[in-house]
Full PDB file with SEQRES, HELIX, SHEET, SSBOND, CRYST1, ORIGX, SCALE, CONECT and MASTER records, all heavy atoms in Angstrom:
SEQRES   1 A   33  SER ASP GLY ALA GLY ARG GLN ALA MET VAL PHE GLN ARG          
SEQRES   2 A   33  PRO VAL MET LEU ARG ARG SER ALA LEU ALA ASN VAL ALA          
SEQRES   3 A   33  TYR ALA VAL ASP ALA ALA GLY                                  
HELIX    1 AA1 ALA A   21  ALA A   31  1                                  11    
CRYST1    1.000    1.000    1.000  90.00  90.00  90.00 P 1           1          
ORIGX1      1.000000  0.000000  0.000000        0.00000                         
ORIGX2      0.000000  1.000000  0.000000        0.00000                         
ORIGX3      0.000000  0.000000  1.000000        0.00000                         
SCALE1      1.000000  0.000000  0.000000        0.00000                         
SCALE2      0.000000  1.000000  0.000000        0.00000                         
SCALE3      0.000000  0.000000  1.000000        0.00000                         
ATOM      1  N   SER A   1     -30.311  26.696  -3.563  1.00  0.00           N  
ATOM      2  CA  SER A   1     -30.095  28.169  -3.453  1.00  0.00           C  
ATOM      3  C   SER A   1     -30.844  28.721  -2.236  1.00  0.00           C  
ATOM      4  O   SER A   1     -30.399  29.761  -1.704  1.00  0.00           O  
ATOM      5  CB  SER A   1     -30.556  28.846  -4.728  1.00  0.00           C  
ATOM      6  OG  SER A   1     -31.967  28.753  -4.899  1.00  0.00           O  
ATOM      7  N   ASP A   2     -31.969  28.163  -1.841  1.00  0.00           N  
ATOM      8  CA  ASP A   2     -32.742  28.739  -0.769  1.00  0.00           C  
ATOM      9  C   ASP A   2     -33.306  27.603   0.122  1.00  0.00           C  
ATOM     10  O   ASP A   2     -34.505  27.491   0.411  1.00  0.00           O  
ATOM     11  CB  ASP A   2     -33.881  29.563  -1.331  1.00  0.00           C  
ATOM     12  CG  ASP A   2     -34.640  30.332  -0.219  1.00  0.00           C  
ATOM     13  OD1 ASP A   2     -34.011  30.594   0.837  1.00  0.00           O  
ATOM     14  OD2 ASP A   2     -35.808  30.675  -0.420  1.00  0.00           O  
ATOM     15  N   GLY A   3     -32.424  26.699   0.567  1.00  0.00           N  
ATOM     16  CA  GLY A   3     -32.897  25.584   1.359  1.00  0.00           C  
ATOM     17  C   GLY A   3     -33.490  24.524   0.448  1.00  0.00           C  
ATOM     18  O   GLY A   3     -33.583  24.676  -0.792  1.00  0.00           O  
ATOM     19  N   ALA A   4     -33.910  23.417   0.984  1.00  0.00           N  
ATOM     20  CA  ALA A   4     -34.474  22.300   0.226  1.00  0.00           C  
ATOM     21  C   ALA A   4     -35.978  22.289   0.274  1.00  0.00           C  
ATOM     22  O   ALA A   4     -36.623  21.328   0.620  1.00  0.00           O  
ATOM     23  CB  ALA A   4     -33.904  21.011   0.745  1.00  0.00           C  
ATOM     24  N   GLY A   5     -36.579  23.433  -0.068  1.00  0.00           N  
ATOM     25  CA  GLY A   5     -38.048  23.642   0.089  1.00  0.00           C  
ATOM     26  C   GLY A   5     -38.891  22.684  -0.581  1.00  0.00           C  
ATOM     27  O   GLY A   5     -38.794  21.435  -0.413  1.00  0.00           O  
ATOM     28  N   ARG A   6     -39.833  23.110  -1.400  1.00  0.00           N  
ATOM     29  CA  ARG A   6     -40.928  22.245  -1.903  1.00  0.00           C  
ATOM     30  C   ARG A   6     -40.394  21.335  -3.036  1.00  0.00           C  
ATOM     31  O   ARG A   6     -40.265  21.771  -4.130  1.00  0.00           O  
ATOM     32  CB  ARG A   6     -42.076  23.132  -2.379  1.00  0.00           C  
ATOM     33  CG  ARG A   6     -42.820  23.775  -1.273  1.00  0.00           C  
ATOM     34  CD  ARG A   6     -44.055  24.519  -1.762  1.00  0.00           C  
ATOM     35  NE  ARG A   6     -43.715  25.687  -2.506  1.00  0.00           N  
ATOM     36  CZ  ARG A   6     -44.129  25.923  -3.755  1.00  0.00           C  
ATOM     37  NH1 ARG A   6     -44.862  25.072  -4.373  1.00  0.00           N  
ATOM     38  NH2 ARG A   6     -43.791  27.076  -4.392  1.00  0.00           N  
ATOM     39  N   GLN A   7     -40.133  20.117  -2.646  1.00  0.00           N  
ATOM     40  CA  GLN A   7     -39.722  19.133  -3.655  1.00  0.00           C  
ATOM     41  C   GLN A   7     -40.427  17.812  -3.290  1.00  0.00           C  
ATOM     42  O   GLN A   7     -40.819  17.579  -2.142  1.00  0.00           O  
ATOM     43  CB  GLN A   7     -38.217  18.952  -3.682  1.00  0.00           C  
ATOM     44  CG  GLN A   7     -37.565  18.738  -2.280  1.00  0.00           C  
ATOM     45  CD  GLN A   7     -36.098  18.353  -2.380  1.00  0.00           C  
ATOM     46  OE1 GLN A   7     -35.744  17.480  -3.165  1.00  0.00           O  
ATOM     47  NE2 GLN A   7     -35.278  18.942  -1.593  1.00  0.00           N  
ATOM     48  N   ALA A   8     -40.565  16.914  -4.260  1.00  0.00           N  
ATOM     49  CA  ALA A   8     -41.187  15.663  -4.050  1.00  0.00           C  
ATOM     50  C   ALA A   8     -40.481  14.643  -4.887  1.00  0.00           C  
ATOM     51  O   ALA A   8     -39.769  14.985  -5.891  1.00  0.00           O  
ATOM     52  CB  ALA A   8     -42.653  15.721  -4.433  1.00  0.00           C  
ATOM     53  N   MET A   9     -40.605  13.360  -4.541  1.00  0.00           N  
ATOM     54  CA  MET A   9     -39.999  12.284  -5.284  1.00  0.00           C  
ATOM     55  C   MET A   9     -40.960  11.141  -5.420  1.00  0.00           C  
ATOM     56  O   MET A   9     -41.696  10.751  -4.459  1.00  0.00           O  
ATOM     57  CB  MET A   9     -38.727  11.835  -4.594  1.00  0.00           C  
ATOM     58  CG  MET A   9     -37.925  10.795  -5.441  1.00  0.00           C  
ATOM     59  SD  MET A   9     -36.202  10.609  -4.874  1.00  0.00           S  
ATOM     60  CE  MET A   9     -35.590   9.381  -6.041  1.00  0.00           C  
ATOM     61  N   VAL A  10     -41.043  10.554  -6.607  1.00  0.00           N  
ATOM     62  CA  VAL A  10     -41.888   9.414  -6.906  1.00  0.00           C  
ATOM     63  C   VAL A  10     -40.985   8.280  -7.359  1.00  0.00           C  
ATOM     64  O   VAL A  10     -40.161   8.458  -8.247  1.00  0.00           O  
ATOM     65  CB  VAL A  10     -42.920   9.714  -7.968  1.00  0.00           C  
ATOM     66  CG1 VAL A  10     -43.701   8.447  -8.395  1.00  0.00           C  
ATOM     67  CG2 VAL A  10     -43.940  10.763  -7.465  1.00  0.00           C  
ATOM     68  N   PHE A  11     -41.167   7.140  -6.712  1.00  0.00           N  
ATOM     69  CA  PHE A  11     -40.308   6.021  -7.003  1.00  0.00           C  
ATOM     70  C   PHE A  11     -40.885   5.004  -7.968  1.00  0.00           C  
ATOM     71  O   PHE A  11     -42.060   5.063  -8.292  1.00  0.00           O  
ATOM     72  CB  PHE A  11     -39.965   5.284  -5.651  1.00  0.00           C  
ATOM     73  CG  PHE A  11     -39.295   6.147  -4.600  1.00  0.00           C  
ATOM     74  CD1 PHE A  11     -40.096   6.868  -3.735  1.00  0.00           C  
ATOM     75  CD2 PHE A  11     -37.932   6.283  -4.619  1.00  0.00           C  
ATOM     76  CE1 PHE A  11     -39.484   7.692  -2.775  1.00  0.00           C  
ATOM     77  CE2 PHE A  11     -37.327   7.104  -3.659  1.00  0.00           C  
ATOM     78  CZ  PHE A  11     -38.089   7.816  -2.750  1.00  0.00           C  
ATOM     79  N   GLN A  12     -40.047   4.104  -8.446  1.00  0.00           N  
ATOM     80  CA  GLN A  12     -40.490   3.091  -9.378  1.00  0.00           C  
ATOM     81  C   GLN A  12     -41.632   2.217  -8.763  1.00  0.00           C  
ATOM     82  O   GLN A  12     -42.604   1.899  -9.425  1.00  0.00           O  
ATOM     83  CB  GLN A  12     -39.332   2.207  -9.810  1.00  0.00           C  
ATOM     84  CG  GLN A  12     -39.705   1.112 -10.769  1.00  0.00           C  
ATOM     85  CD  GLN A  12     -38.498   0.307 -11.193  1.00  0.00           C  
ATOM     86  OE1 GLN A  12     -37.346   0.727 -11.084  1.00  0.00           O  
ATOM     87  NE2 GLN A  12     -38.749  -0.849 -11.742  1.00  0.00           N  
ATOM     88  N   ARG A  13     -41.473   1.894  -7.486  1.00  0.00           N  
ATOM     89  CA  ARG A  13     -42.507   1.150  -6.782  1.00  0.00           C  
ATOM     90  C   ARG A  13     -42.976   1.935  -5.571  1.00  0.00           C  
ATOM     91  O   ARG A  13     -42.342   1.800  -4.485  1.00  0.00           O  
ATOM     92  CB  ARG A  13     -41.951  -0.233  -6.359  1.00  0.00           C  
ATOM     93  CG  ARG A  13     -41.579  -1.137  -7.529  1.00  0.00           C  
ATOM     94  CD  ARG A  13     -41.057  -2.450  -7.053  1.00  0.00           C  
ATOM     95  NE  ARG A  13     -40.723  -3.339  -8.167  1.00  0.00           N  
ATOM     96  CZ  ARG A  13     -39.592  -3.311  -8.854  1.00  0.00           C  
ATOM     97  NH1 ARG A  13     -38.627  -2.431  -8.544  1.00  0.00           N  
ATOM     98  NH2 ARG A  13     -39.339  -4.143  -9.865  1.00  0.00           N  
ATOM     99  N   PRO A  14     -43.998   2.737  -5.728  1.00  0.00           N  
ATOM    100  CA  PRO A  14     -44.424   3.600  -4.639  1.00  0.00           C  
ATOM    101  C   PRO A  14     -44.986   2.841  -3.442  1.00  0.00           C  
ATOM    102  O   PRO A  14     -45.577   1.801  -3.631  1.00  0.00           O  
ATOM    103  CB  PRO A  14     -45.477   4.513  -5.271  1.00  0.00           C  
ATOM    104  CG  PRO A  14     -46.005   3.682  -6.404  1.00  0.00           C  
ATOM    105  CD  PRO A  14     -44.831   2.893  -6.915  1.00  0.00           C  
ATOM    106  N   VAL A  15     -44.804   3.353  -2.272  1.00  0.00           N  
ATOM    107  CA  VAL A  15     -45.369   2.738  -1.018  1.00  0.00           C  
ATOM    108  C   VAL A  15     -46.785   3.257  -0.844  1.00  0.00           C  
ATOM    109  O   VAL A  15     -46.988   4.486  -0.843  1.00  0.00           O  
ATOM    110  CB  VAL A  15     -44.501   3.074   0.165  1.00  0.00           C  
ATOM    111  CG1 VAL A  15     -45.163   2.547   1.442  1.00  0.00           C  
ATOM    112  CG2 VAL A  15     -43.102   2.516  -0.035  1.00  0.00           C  
ATOM    113  N   MET A  16     -47.717   2.349  -0.704  1.00  0.00           N  
ATOM    114  CA  MET A  16     -49.105   2.717  -0.509  1.00  0.00           C  
ATOM    115  C   MET A  16     -49.533   2.422   0.957  1.00  0.00           C  
ATOM    116  O   MET A  16     -49.230   1.337   1.466  1.00  0.00           O  
ATOM    117  CB  MET A  16     -50.039   1.896  -1.402  1.00  0.00           C  
ATOM    118  CG  MET A  16     -49.851   2.164  -2.897  1.00  0.00           C  
ATOM    119  SD  MET A  16     -50.469   3.797  -3.428  1.00  0.00           S  
ATOM    120  CE  MET A  16     -48.891   4.643  -3.733  1.00  0.00           C  
ATOM    121  N   LEU A  17     -50.112   3.379   1.609  1.00  0.00           N  
ATOM    122  CA  LEU A  17     -50.603   3.171   2.976  1.00  0.00           C  
ATOM    123  C   LEU A  17     -51.859   2.290   2.924  1.00  0.00           C  
ATOM    124  O   LEU A  17     -52.573   2.253   1.975  1.00  0.00           O  
ATOM    125  CB  LEU A  17     -50.933   4.526   3.637  1.00  0.00           C  
ATOM    126  CG  LEU A  17     -49.799   5.549   3.663  1.00  0.00           C  
ATOM    127  CD1 LEU A  17     -50.262   6.879   4.269  1.00  0.00           C  
ATOM    128  CD2 LEU A  17     -48.644   4.987   4.487  1.00  0.00           C  
ATOM    129  N   ARG A  18     -52.112   1.634   4.076  1.00  0.00           N  
ATOM    130  CA  ARG A  18     -53.292   0.800   4.181  1.00  0.00           C  
ATOM    131  C   ARG A  18     -54.540   1.589   4.443  1.00  0.00           C  
ATOM    132  O   ARG A  18     -55.140   1.563   5.510  1.00  0.00           O  
ATOM    133  CB  ARG A  18     -53.095  -0.246   5.328  1.00  0.00           C  
ATOM    134  CG  ARG A  18     -52.048  -1.270   5.060  1.00  0.00           C  
ATOM    135  CD  ARG A  18     -51.956  -2.275   6.207  1.00  0.00           C  
ATOM    136  NE  ARG A  18     -50.947  -3.295   6.000  1.00  0.00           N  
ATOM    137  CZ  ARG A  18     -51.122  -4.389   5.274  1.00  0.00           C  
ATOM    138  NH1 ARG A  18     -52.289  -4.673   4.724  1.00  0.00           N  
ATOM    139  NH2 ARG A  18     -50.107  -5.265   5.142  1.00  0.00           N  
ATOM    140  N   ARG A  19     -54.921   2.338   3.427  1.00  0.00           N  
ATOM    141  CA  ARG A  19     -56.118   3.195   3.493  1.00  0.00           C  
ATOM    142  C   ARG A  19     -56.519   3.550   2.049  1.00  0.00           C  
ATOM    143  O   ARG A  19     -55.954   3.048   1.094  1.00  0.00           O  
ATOM    144  CB  ARG A  19     -55.844   4.475   4.294  1.00  0.00           C  
ATOM    145  CG  ARG A  19     -54.642   5.294   3.839  1.00  0.00           C  
ATOM    146  CD  ARG A  19     -54.254   6.354   4.847  1.00  0.00           C  
ATOM    147  NE  ARG A  19     -53.596   5.811   6.021  1.00  0.00           N  
ATOM    148  CZ  ARG A  19     -53.246   6.450   7.077  1.00  0.00           C  
ATOM    149  NH1 ARG A  19     -53.520   7.763   7.097  1.00  0.00           N  
ATOM    150  NH2 ARG A  19     -52.685   5.937   8.095  1.00  0.00           N  
ATOM    151  N   SER A  20     -57.572   4.296   1.906  1.00  0.00           N  
ATOM    152  CA  SER A  20     -58.083   4.588   0.569  1.00  0.00           C  
ATOM    153  C   SER A  20     -57.174   5.480  -0.222  1.00  0.00           C  
ATOM    154  O   SER A  20     -56.199   6.125   0.293  1.00  0.00           O  
ATOM    155  CB  SER A  20     -59.448   5.295   0.694  1.00  0.00           C  
ATOM    156  OG  SER A  20     -59.274   6.595   1.212  1.00  0.00           O  
ATOM    157  N   ALA A  21     -57.408   5.513  -1.526  1.00  0.00           N  
ATOM    158  CA  ALA A  21     -56.613   6.423  -2.367  1.00  0.00           C  
ATOM    159  C   ALA A  21     -56.694   7.886  -1.895  1.00  0.00           C  
ATOM    160  O   ALA A  21     -55.676   8.561  -1.777  1.00  0.00           O  
ATOM    161  CB  ALA A  21     -57.128   6.297  -3.833  1.00  0.00           C  
ATOM    162  N   LEU A  22     -57.901   8.324  -1.559  1.00  0.00           N  
ATOM    163  CA  LEU A  22     -58.115   9.691  -1.075  1.00  0.00           C  
ATOM    164  C   LEU A  22     -57.321   9.898   0.230  1.00  0.00           C  
ATOM    165  O   LEU A  22     -56.617  10.919   0.396  1.00  0.00           O  
ATOM    166  CB  LEU A  22     -59.579   9.964  -0.843  1.00  0.00           C  
ATOM    167  CG  LEU A  22     -59.964  11.327  -0.318  1.00  0.00           C  
ATOM    168  CD1 LEU A  22     -59.597  12.391  -1.342  1.00  0.00           C  
ATOM    169  CD2 LEU A  22     -61.424  11.399   0.043  1.00  0.00           C  
ATOM    170  N   ALA A  23     -57.379   8.949   1.128  1.00  0.00           N  
ATOM    171  CA  ALA A  23     -56.695   9.080   2.439  1.00  0.00           C  
ATOM    172  C   ALA A  23     -55.195   9.055   2.274  1.00  0.00           C  
ATOM    173  O   ALA A  23     -54.480   9.703   3.059  1.00  0.00           O  
ATOM    174  CB  ALA A  23     -57.151   7.986   3.369  1.00  0.00           C  
ATOM    175  N   ASN A  24     -54.680   8.350   1.263  1.00  0.00           N  
ATOM    176  CA  ASN A  24     -53.260   8.338   1.012  1.00  0.00           C  
ATOM    177  C   ASN A  24     -52.744   9.765   0.671  1.00  0.00           C  
ATOM    178  O   ASN A  24     -51.757  10.211   1.208  1.00  0.00           O  
ATOM    179  CB  ASN A  24     -52.920   7.392  -0.156  1.00  0.00           C  
ATOM    180  CG  ASN A  24     -52.427   6.002   0.308  1.00  0.00           C  
ATOM    181  OD1 ASN A  24     -51.264   5.811   0.436  1.00  0.00           O  
ATOM    182  ND2 ASN A  24     -53.403   5.167   0.618  1.00  0.00           N  
ATOM    183  N   VAL A  25     -53.505  10.443  -0.183  1.00  0.00           N  
ATOM    184  CA  VAL A  25     -53.142  11.797  -0.560  1.00  0.00           C  
ATOM    185  C   VAL A  25     -53.342  12.774   0.579  1.00  0.00           C  
ATOM    186  O   VAL A  25     -52.505  13.624   0.847  1.00  0.00           O  
ATOM    187  CB  VAL A  25     -53.918  12.241  -1.845  1.00  0.00           C  
ATOM    188  CG1 VAL A  25     -53.475  13.635  -2.259  1.00  0.00           C  
ATOM    189  CG2 VAL A  25     -53.709  11.261  -2.988  1.00  0.00           C  
ATOM    190  N   ALA A  26     -54.525  12.647   1.239  1.00  0.00           N  
ATOM    191  CA  ALA A  26     -54.814  13.542   2.365  1.00  0.00           C  
ATOM    192  C   ALA A  26     -53.749  13.417   3.448  1.00  0.00           C  
ATOM    193  O   ALA A  26     -53.417  14.419   4.117  1.00  0.00           O  
ATOM    194  CB  ALA A  26     -56.187  13.215   2.918  1.00  0.00           C  
ATOM    195  N   TYR A  27     -53.262  12.228   3.693  1.00  0.00           N  
ATOM    196  CA  TYR A  27     -52.201  12.049   4.735  1.00  0.00           C  
ATOM    197  C   TYR A  27     -50.993  12.901   4.388  1.00  0.00           C  
ATOM    198  O   TYR A  27     -50.365  13.536   5.221  1.00  0.00           O  
ATOM    199  CB  TYR A  27     -51.844  10.537   4.793  1.00  0.00           C  
ATOM    200  CG  TYR A  27     -50.749  10.267   5.814  1.00  0.00           C  
ATOM    201  CD1 TYR A  27     -50.990  10.102   7.150  1.00  0.00           C  
ATOM    202  CD2 TYR A  27     -49.382  10.197   5.376  1.00  0.00           C  
ATOM    203  CE1 TYR A  27     -49.979   9.824   8.065  1.00  0.00           C  
ATOM    204  CE2 TYR A  27     -48.349   9.960   6.266  1.00  0.00           C  
ATOM    205  CZ  TYR A  27     -48.668   9.775   7.636  1.00  0.00           C  
ATOM    206  OH  TYR A  27     -47.631   9.547   8.502  1.00  0.00           O  
ATOM    207  N   ALA A  28     -50.574  12.819   3.094  1.00  0.00           N  
ATOM    208  CA  ALA A  28     -49.382  13.613   2.671  1.00  0.00           C  
ATOM    209  C   ALA A  28     -49.613  15.121   2.845  1.00  0.00           C  
ATOM    210  O   ALA A  28     -48.751  15.876   3.215  1.00  0.00           O  
ATOM    211  CB  ALA A  28     -49.055  13.258   1.219  1.00  0.00           C  
ATOM    212  N   VAL A  29     -50.849  15.536   2.485  1.00  0.00           N  
ATOM    213  CA  VAL A  29     -51.198  16.981   2.598  1.00  0.00           C  
ATOM    214  C   VAL A  29     -51.154  17.408   4.074  1.00  0.00           C  
ATOM    215  O   VAL A  29     -50.568  18.434   4.409  1.00  0.00           O  
ATOM    216  CB  VAL A  29     -52.575  17.220   1.970  1.00  0.00           C  
ATOM    217  CG1 VAL A  29     -52.992  18.692   2.234  1.00  0.00           C  
ATOM    218  CG2 VAL A  29     -52.582  16.892   0.512  1.00  0.00           C  
ATOM    219  N   ASP A  30     -51.746  16.592   4.925  1.00  0.00           N  
ATOM    220  CA  ASP A  30     -51.787  16.914   6.351  1.00  0.00           C  
ATOM    221  C   ASP A  30     -50.391  16.938   6.947  1.00  0.00           C  
ATOM    222  O   ASP A  30     -50.002  17.799   7.760  1.00  0.00           O  
ATOM    223  CB  ASP A  30     -52.670  15.891   7.093  1.00  0.00           C  
ATOM    224  CG  ASP A  30     -52.858  16.232   8.535  1.00  0.00           C  
ATOM    225  OD1 ASP A  30     -53.365  17.329   8.843  1.00  0.00           O  
ATOM    226  OD2 ASP A  30     -52.507  15.381   9.404  1.00  0.00           O  
ATOM    227  N   ALA A  31     -49.563  15.929   6.562  1.00  0.00           N  
ATOM    228  CA  ALA A  31     -48.172  15.871   7.062  1.00  0.00           C  
ATOM    229  C   ALA A  31     -47.375  17.087   6.650  1.00  0.00           C  
ATOM    230  O   ALA A  31     -46.414  17.497   7.339  1.00  0.00           O  
ATOM    231  CB  ALA A  31     -47.500  14.581   6.518  1.00  0.00           C  
ATOM    232  N   ALA A  32     -47.712  17.696   5.497  1.00  0.00           N  
ATOM    233  CA  ALA A  32     -47.038  18.889   5.009  1.00  0.00           C  
ATOM    234  C   ALA A  32     -47.533  20.150   5.739  1.00  0.00           C  
ATOM    235  O   ALA A  32     -47.035  21.254   5.428  1.00  0.00           O  
ATOM    236  CB  ALA A  32     -47.190  19.013   3.540  1.00  0.00           C  
ATOM    237  N   GLY A  33     -48.571  20.003   6.566  1.00  0.00           N  
ATOM    238  CA  GLY A  33     -49.078  21.153   7.298  1.00  0.00           C  
ATOM    239  C   GLY A  33     -49.983  22.025   6.470  1.00  0.00           C  
ATOM    240  O   GLY A  33     -50.198  23.189   6.811  1.00  0.00           O  
TER     241      GLY A  33                                                      
MASTER        0    0    0    1    0    0    0    6  240    1    0    3          
END                                                                             
């Protein structure tokens, strides 16, 4: 109705970056601006 704004998807086998748990989340937050 108003663009494809704030949505997220979690998969059966999530991809983990080669960094700490905290840095994985922080990366997503930073990427979202």
